[in-house]
PDB file of N, CA and C in Angstrom:
ATOM      1  N   UNK A   1     -13.491   5.332  -9.885  1.00  0.00           N
ATOM      2  CA  UNK A   1     -12.292   5.212 -10.685  1.00  0.00           C
ATOM      3  C   UNK A   1     -11.679   3.823 -10.553  1.00  0.00           C
ATOM      4  N   UNK A   2     -11.454   3.351  -9.335  1.00  0.00           N
ATOM      5  CA  UNK A   2     -10.794   2.063  -9.141  1.00  0.00           C
ATOM      6  C   UNK A   2     -11.681   0.884  -9.504  1.00  0.00           C
ATOM      7  N   UNK A   3     -13.000   1.039  -9.450  1.00  0.00           N
ATOM      8  CA  UNK A   3     -13.896  -0.079  -9.721  1.00  0.00           C
ATOM      9  C   UNK A   3     -13.725  -0.630 -11.128  1.00  0.00           C
ATOM     10  N   UNK A   4     -13.359   0.207 -12.080  1.00  0.00           N
ATOM     11  CA  UNK A   4     -13.265  -0.231 -13.465  1.00  0.00           C
ATOM     12  C   UNK A   4     -11.926  -0.906 -13.781  1.00  0.00           C
ATOM     13  N   UNK A   5     -11.006  -0.911 -12.829  1.00  0.00           N
ATOM     14  CA  UNK A   5      -9.685  -1.506 -13.041  1.00  0.00           C
ATOM     15  C   UNK A   5      -9.639  -2.941 -12.539  1.00  0.00           C
ATOM     16  N   UNK A   6      -8.796  -3.783 -13.158  1.00  0.00           N
ATOM     17  CA  UNK A   6      -8.584  -5.135 -12.625  1.00  0.00           C
ATOM     18  C   UNK A   6      -7.942  -5.047 -11.233  1.00  0.00           C
ATOM     19  N   UNK A   7      -8.132  -6.064 -10.380  1.00  0.00           N
ATOM     20  CA  UNK A   7      -7.611  -6.019  -9.008  1.00  0.00           C
ATOM     21  C   UNK A   7      -6.121  -5.700  -8.899  1.00  0.00           C
ATOM     22  N   UNK A   8      -5.296  -6.224  -9.782  1.00  0.00           N
ATOM     23  CA  UNK A   8      -3.857  -5.941  -9.690  1.00  0.00           C
ATOM     24  C   UNK A   8      -3.568  -4.464  -9.940  1.00  0.00           C
ATOM     25  N   UNK A   9      -4.304  -3.847 -10.852  1.00  0.00           N
ATOM     26  CA  UNK A   9      -4.122  -2.411 -11.111  1.00  0.00           C
ATOM     27  C   UNK A   9      -4.703  -1.566  -9.986  1.00  0.00           C
ATOM     28  N   UNK A  10      -5.762  -2.057  -9.350  1.00  0.00           N
ATOM     29  CA  UNK A  10      -6.319  -1.345  -8.192  1.00  0.00           C
ATOM     30  C   UNK A  10      -5.284  -1.287  -7.078  1.00  0.00           C
ATOM     31  N   UNK A  11      -4.608  -2.403  -6.842  1.00  0.00           N
ATOM     32  CA  UNK A  11      -3.569  -2.465  -5.816  1.00  0.00           C
ATOM     33  C   UNK A  11      -2.444  -1.500  -6.141  1.00  0.00           C
ATOM     34  N   UNK A  12      -2.020  -1.471  -7.390  1.00  0.00           N
ATOM     35  CA  UNK A  12      -0.958  -0.561  -7.819  1.00  0.00           C
ATOM     36  C   UNK A  12      -1.362   0.886  -7.598  1.00  0.00           C
ATOM     37  N   UNK A  13      -2.604   1.233  -7.913  1.00  0.00           N
ATOM     38  CA  UNK A  13      -3.075   2.604  -7.737  1.00  0.00           C
ATOM     39  C   UNK A  13      -3.106   3.000  -6.258  1.00  0.00           C
ATOM     40  N   UNK A  14      -3.516   2.073  -5.394  1.00  0.00           N
ATOM     41  CA  UNK A  14      -3.515   2.368  -3.960  1.00  0.00           C
ATOM     42  C   UNK A  14      -2.096   2.608  -3.446  1.00  0.00           C
ATOM     43  N   UNK A  15      -1.165   1.790  -3.901  1.00  0.00           N
ATOM     44  CA  UNK A  15       0.234   1.944  -3.482  1.00  0.00           C
ATOM     45  C   UNK A  15       0.790   3.276  -3.976  1.00  0.00           C
ATOM     46  N   UNK A  16       0.478   3.644  -5.213  1.00  0.00           N
ATOM     47  CA  UNK A  16       0.943   4.929  -5.750  1.00  0.00           C
ATOM     48  C   UNK A  16       0.404   6.093  -4.927  1.00  0.00           C
ATOM     49  N   UNK A  17      -0.883   6.023  -4.537  1.00  0.00           N
ATOM     50  CA  UNK A  17      -1.468   7.099  -3.728  1.00  0.00           C
ATOM     51  C   UNK A  17      -0.786   7.190  -2.371  1.00  0.00           C
ATOM     52  N   UNK A  18      -0.506   6.039  -1.767  1.00  0.00           N
ATOM     53  CA  UNK A  18       0.197   6.041  -0.484  1.00  0.00           C
ATOM     54  C   UNK A  18       1.590   6.634  -0.610  1.00  0.00           C
ATOM     55  N   UNK A  19       2.297   6.271  -1.675  1.00  0.00           N
ATOM     56  CA  UNK A  19       3.642   6.805  -1.892  1.00  0.00           C
ATOM     57  C   UNK A  19       3.604   8.316  -2.079  1.00  0.00           C
ATOM     58  N   UNK A  20       2.683   8.797  -2.874  1.00  0.00           N
ATOM     59  CA  UNK A  20       2.561  10.244  -3.090  1.00  0.00           C
ATOM     60  C   UNK A  20       2.255  10.957  -1.780  1.00  0.00           C
ATOM     61  N   UNK A  21       1.362  10.378  -0.989  1.00  0.00           N
ATOM     62  CA  UNK A  21       1.008  10.981   0.295  1.00  0.00           C
ATOM     63  C   UNK A  21       2.215  10.981   1.236  1.00  0.00           C
ATOM     64  N   UNK A  22       2.886   9.840   1.355  1.00  0.00           N
ATOM     65  CA  UNK A  22       3.998   9.707   2.293  1.00  0.00           C
ATOM     66  C   UNK A  22       5.187  10.583   1.914  1.00  0.00           C
ATOM     67  N   UNK A  23       5.430  10.709   0.622  1.00  0.00           N
ATOM     68  CA  UNK A  23       6.592  11.462   0.143  1.00  0.00           C
ATOM     69  C   UNK A  23       6.264  12.918  -0.200  1.00  0.00           C
ATOM     70  N   UNK A  24       5.013  13.290  -0.027  1.00  0.00           N
ATOM     71  CA  UNK A  24       4.555  14.657  -0.344  1.00  0.00           C
ATOM     72  C   UNK A  24       4.903  15.068  -1.772  1.00  0.00           C
ATOM     73  N   UNK A  25       4.610  14.165  -2.696  1.00  0.00           N
ATOM     74  CA  UNK A  25       4.827  14.459  -4.116  1.00  0.00           C
ATOM     75  C   UNK A  25       3.479  14.413  -4.837  1.00  0.00           C
ATOM     76  N   UNK A  26       3.337  15.154  -5.926  1.00  0.00           N
ATOM     77  CA  UNK A  26       2.065  15.128  -6.660  1.00  0.00           C
ATOM     78  C   UNK A  26       1.861  13.789  -7.374  1.00  0.00           C
ATOM     79  N   UNK A  27       0.606  13.453  -7.631  1.00  0.00           N
ATOM     80  CA  UNK A  27       0.303  12.235  -8.382  1.00  0.00           C
ATOM     81  C   UNK A  27       0.574  12.451  -9.865  1.00  0.00           C
ATOM     82  N   UNK A  28       0.262  11.468 -10.685  1.00  0.00           N
ATOM     83  CA  UNK A  28       0.537  11.549 -12.126  1.00  0.00           C
ATOM     84  C   UNK A  28      -0.169  12.726 -12.804  1.00  0.00           C
ATOM     85  N   UNK A  29      -1.297  13.151 -12.236  1.00  0.00           N
ATOM     86  CA  UNK A  29      -2.039  14.275 -12.802  1.00  0.00           C
ATOM     87  C   UNK A  29      -1.578  15.619 -12.235  1.00  0.00           C
ATOM     88  N   UNK A  30      -0.587  15.584 -11.338  1.00  0.00           N
ATOM     89  CA  UNK A  30      -0.073  16.812 -10.753  1.00  0.00           C
ATOM     90  C   UNK A  30      -0.813  17.277  -9.513  1.00  0.00           C
ATOM     91  N   UNK A  31      -1.721  16.457  -9.012  1.00  0.00           N
ATOM     92  CA  UNK A  31      -2.501  16.812  -7.827  1.00  0.00           C
ATOM     93  C   UNK A  31      -1.783  16.407  -6.546  1.00  0.00           C
ATOM     94  N   UNK A  32      -1.925  17.229  -5.517  1.00  0.00           N
ATOM     95  CA  UNK A  32      -1.386  16.879  -4.205  1.00  0.00           C
ATOM     96  C   UNK A  32      -2.275  15.803  -3.598  1.00  0.00           C
ATOM     97  N   UNK A  33      -1.670  14.753  -3.069  1.00  0.00           N
ATOM     98  CA  UNK A  33      -2.424  13.661  -2.455  1.00  0.00           C
ATOM     99  C   UNK A  33      -2.407  13.858  -0.943  1.00  0.00           C
ATOM    100  N   UNK A  34      -3.577  14.165  -0.395  1.00  0.00           N
ATOM    101  CA  UNK A  34      -3.709  14.350   1.044  1.00  0.00           C
ATOM    102  C   UNK A  34      -4.766  13.366   1.530  1.00  0.00           C
ATOM    103  N   UNK A  35      -4.344  12.350   2.270  1.00  0.00           N
ATOM    104  CA  UNK A  35      -5.256  11.315   2.738  1.00  0.00           C
ATOM    105  C   UNK A  35      -5.538  11.503   4.228  1.00  0.00           C
ATOM    106  N   UNK A  36      -6.821  11.482   4.587  1.00  0.00           N
ATOM    107  CA  UNK A  36      -7.155  11.569   6.009  1.00  0.00           C
ATOM    108  C   UNK A  36      -6.970  10.191   6.657  1.00  0.00           C
ATOM    109  N   UNK A  37      -7.063  10.143   7.973  1.00  0.00           N
ATOM    110  CA  UNK A  37      -6.815   8.893   8.696  1.00  0.00           C
ATOM    111  C   UNK A  37      -7.758   7.770   8.279  1.00  0.00           C
ATOM    112  N   UNK A  38      -9.004   8.099   7.998  1.00  0.00           N
ATOM    113  CA  UNK A  38      -9.967   7.082   7.572  1.00  0.00           C
ATOM    114  C   UNK A  38      -9.578   6.437   6.254  1.00  0.00           C
ATOM    115  N   UNK A  39      -9.146   7.255   5.308  1.00  0.00           N
ATOM    116  CA  UNK A  39      -8.714   6.714   4.008  1.00  0.00           C
ATOM    117  C   UNK A  39      -7.431   5.901   4.142  1.00  0.00           C
ATOM    118  N   UNK A  40      -6.514   6.387   4.973  1.00  0.00           N
ATOM    119  CA  UNK A  40      -5.274   5.633   5.194  1.00  0.00           C
ATOM    120  C   UNK A  40      -5.580   4.255   5.780  1.00  0.00           C
ATOM    121  N   UNK A  41      -6.470   4.220   6.730  1.00  0.00           N
ATOM    122  CA  UNK A  41      -6.840   2.945   7.364  1.00  0.00           C
ATOM    123  C   UNK A  41      -7.527   2.028   6.359  1.00  0.00           C
ATOM    124  N   UNK A  42      -8.410   2.573   5.534  1.00  0.00           N
ATOM    125  CA  UNK A  42      -9.098   1.769   4.524  1.00  0.00           C
ATOM    126  C   UNK A  42      -8.099   1.172   3.532  1.00  0.00           C
ATOM    127  N   UNK A  43      -7.132   1.967   3.099  1.00  0.00           N
ATOM    128  CA  UNK A  43      -6.110   1.471   2.175  1.00  0.00           C
ATOM    129  C   UNK A  43      -5.288   0.379   2.848  1.00  0.00           C
ATOM    130  N   UNK A  44      -4.945   0.585   4.112  1.00  0.00           N
ATOM    131  CA  UNK A  44      -4.178  -0.427   4.856  1.00  0.00           C
ATOM    132  C   UNK A  44      -4.934  -1.758   4.904  1.00  0.00           C
ATOM    133  N   UNK A  45      -6.217  -1.697   5.207  1.00  0.00           N
ATOM    134  CA  UNK A  45      -7.029  -2.910   5.287  1.00  0.00           C
ATOM    135  C   UNK A  45      -7.086  -3.615   3.933  1.00  0.00           C
ATOM    136  N   UNK A  46      -7.317  -2.858   2.877  1.00  0.00           N
ATOM    137  CA  UNK A  46      -7.386  -3.458   1.541  1.00  0.00           C
ATOM    138  C   UNK A  46      -6.061  -4.084   1.130  1.00  0.00           C
ATOM    139  N   UNK A  47      -4.957  -3.392   1.396  1.00  0.00           N
ATOM    140  CA  UNK A  47      -3.656  -3.925   1.007  1.00  0.00           C
ATOM    141  C   UNK A  47      -3.288  -5.170   1.805  1.00  0.00           C
ATOM    142  N   UNK A  48      -3.697  -5.240   3.065  1.00  0.00           N
ATOM    143  CA  UNK A  48      -3.430  -6.440   3.869  1.00  0.00           C
ATOM    144  C   UNK A  48      -4.119  -7.667   3.284  1.00  0.00           C
ATOM    145  N   UNK A  49      -5.218  -7.456   2.576  1.00  0.00           N
ATOM    146  CA  UNK A  49      -5.938  -8.566   1.965  1.00  0.00           C
ATOM    147  C   UNK A  49      -5.226  -9.104   0.728  1.00  0.00           C
ATOM    148  N   UNK A  50      -4.461  -8.256   0.043  1.00  0.00           N
ATOM    149  CA  UNK A  50      -3.895  -8.680  -1.240  1.00  0.00           C
ATOM    150  C   UNK A  50      -2.375  -8.809  -1.256  1.00  0.00           C
ATOM    151  N   UNK A  51      -1.692  -8.219  -0.257  1.00  0.00           N
ATOM    152  CA  UNK A  51      -0.231  -8.287  -0.225  1.00  0.00           C
ATOM    153  C   UNK A  51       0.233  -9.088   0.979  1.00  0.00           C
ATOM    154  N   UNK A  52       1.307  -9.856   0.841  1.00  0.00           N
ATOM    155  CA  UNK A  52       1.819 -10.613   1.983  1.00  0.00           C
ATOM    156  C   UNK A  52       2.401  -9.673   3.035  1.00  0.00           C
ATOM    157  N   UNK A  53       2.351 -10.092   4.281  1.00  0.00           N
ATOM    158  CA  UNK A  53       2.917  -9.319   5.378  1.00  0.00           C
ATOM    159  C   UNK A  53       4.389  -9.687   5.509  1.00  0.00           C
ATOM    160  N   UNK A  54       5.260  -8.865   4.961  1.00  0.00           N
ATOM    161  CA  UNK A  54       6.686  -9.174   4.931  1.00  0.00           C
ATOM    162  C   UNK A  54       7.329  -9.068   6.307  1.00  0.00           C
ATOM    163  N   UNK A  55       6.758  -8.302   7.220  1.00  0.00           N
ATOM    164  CA  UNK A  55       7.341  -8.192   8.556  1.00  0.00           C
ATOM    165  C   UNK A  55       7.229  -9.516   9.303  1.00  0.00           C
ATOM    166  N   UNK A  56       6.147 -10.233   9.132  1.00  0.00           N
ATOM    167  CA  UNK A  56       5.990 -11.539   9.764  1.00  0.00           C
ATOM    168  C   UNK A  56       6.974 -12.529   9.157  1.00  0.00           C
ATOM    169  N   UNK A  57       7.208 -12.412   7.880  1.00  0.00           N
ATOM    170  CA  UNK A  57       8.140 -13.282   7.167  1.00  0.00           C
ATOM    171  C   UNK A  57       9.572 -13.069   7.644  1.00  0.00           C
ATOM    172  N   UNK A  58       9.947 -11.855   7.936  1.00  0.00           N
ATOM    173  CA  UNK A  58      11.310 -11.536   8.357  1.00  0.00           C
ATOM    174  C   UNK A  58      11.651 -12.223   9.666  1.00  0.00           C
ATOM    175  N   UNK A  59      10.712 -12.301  10.585  1.00  0.00           N
ATOM    176  CA  UNK A  59      10.950 -12.961  11.863  1.00  0.00           C
ATOM    177  C   UNK A  59      11.230 -14.441  11.699  1.00  0.00           C
ATOM    178  N   UNK A  60      10.529 -15.103  10.815  1.00  0.00           N
ATOM    179  CA  UNK A  60      10.742 -16.530  10.624  1.00  0.00           C
ATOM    180  C   UNK A  60      12.081 -16.796   9.935  1.00  0.00           C
ATOM    181  N   UNK A  61      12.497 -15.902   9.053  1.00  0.00           N
ATOM    182  CA  UNK A  61      13.796 -16.068   8.410  1.00  0.00           C
ATOM    183  C   UNK A  61      14.937 -15.889   9.399  1.00  0.00           C
ATOM    184  N   UNK A  62      14.812 -14.918  10.297  1.00  0.00           N
ATOM    185  CA  UNK A  62      15.852 -14.694  11.299  1.00  0.00           C
ATOM    186  C   UNK A  62      15.968 -15.900  12.224  1.00  0.00           C
ATOM    187  N   UNK A  63      14.811 -16.493  12.601  1.00  0.00           N
ATOM    188  CA  UNK A  63      14.828 -17.672  13.452  1.00  0.00           C
ATOM    189  C   UNK A  63      15.512 -18.838  12.763  1.00  0.00           C
ATOM    190  N   UNK A  64      15.253 -19.007  11.468  1.00  0.00           N
ATOM    191  CA  UNK A  64      15.844 -20.103  10.712  1.00  0.00           C
ATOM    192  C   UNK A  64      17.340 -19.937  10.578  1.00  0.00           C
ATOM    193  N   UNK A  65      17.814 -18.699  10.438  1.00  0.00           N
ATOM    194  CA  UNK A  65      19.247 -18.460  10.291  1.00  0.00           C
ATOM    195  C   UNK A  65      19.993 -18.721  11.591  1.00  0.00           C
ATOM    196  N   UNK A  66      19.336 -18.476  12.740  1.00  0.00           N
ATOM    197  CA  UNK A  66      19.977 -18.694  14.031  1.00  0.00           C
ATOM    198  C   UNK A  66      20.148 -20.168  14.339  1.00  0.00           C
ATOM    199  N   UNK A  67      19.218 -21.008  13.848  1.00  0.00           N
ATOM    200  CA  UNK A  67      19.212 -22.443  14.175  1.00  0.00           C
ATOM    201  C   UNK A  67      20.134 -23.208  13.359  1.00  0.00           C
TER     202      UNK A  67
END
């Protein structure tokens, strides 16, 4: 399913699946999203490749504000 989508849409689909899983809400098709630990880890690895790590950014901003 994801292979046929452009990379930006693949990222969006992964985020939607994570949100559905985390919030225990059905996906757009009405299906319950239940991800095992292996799938969660795989999604985490893929998202780290395409999205910036905002937690690392927050530390540098706090340091700059203190100085």
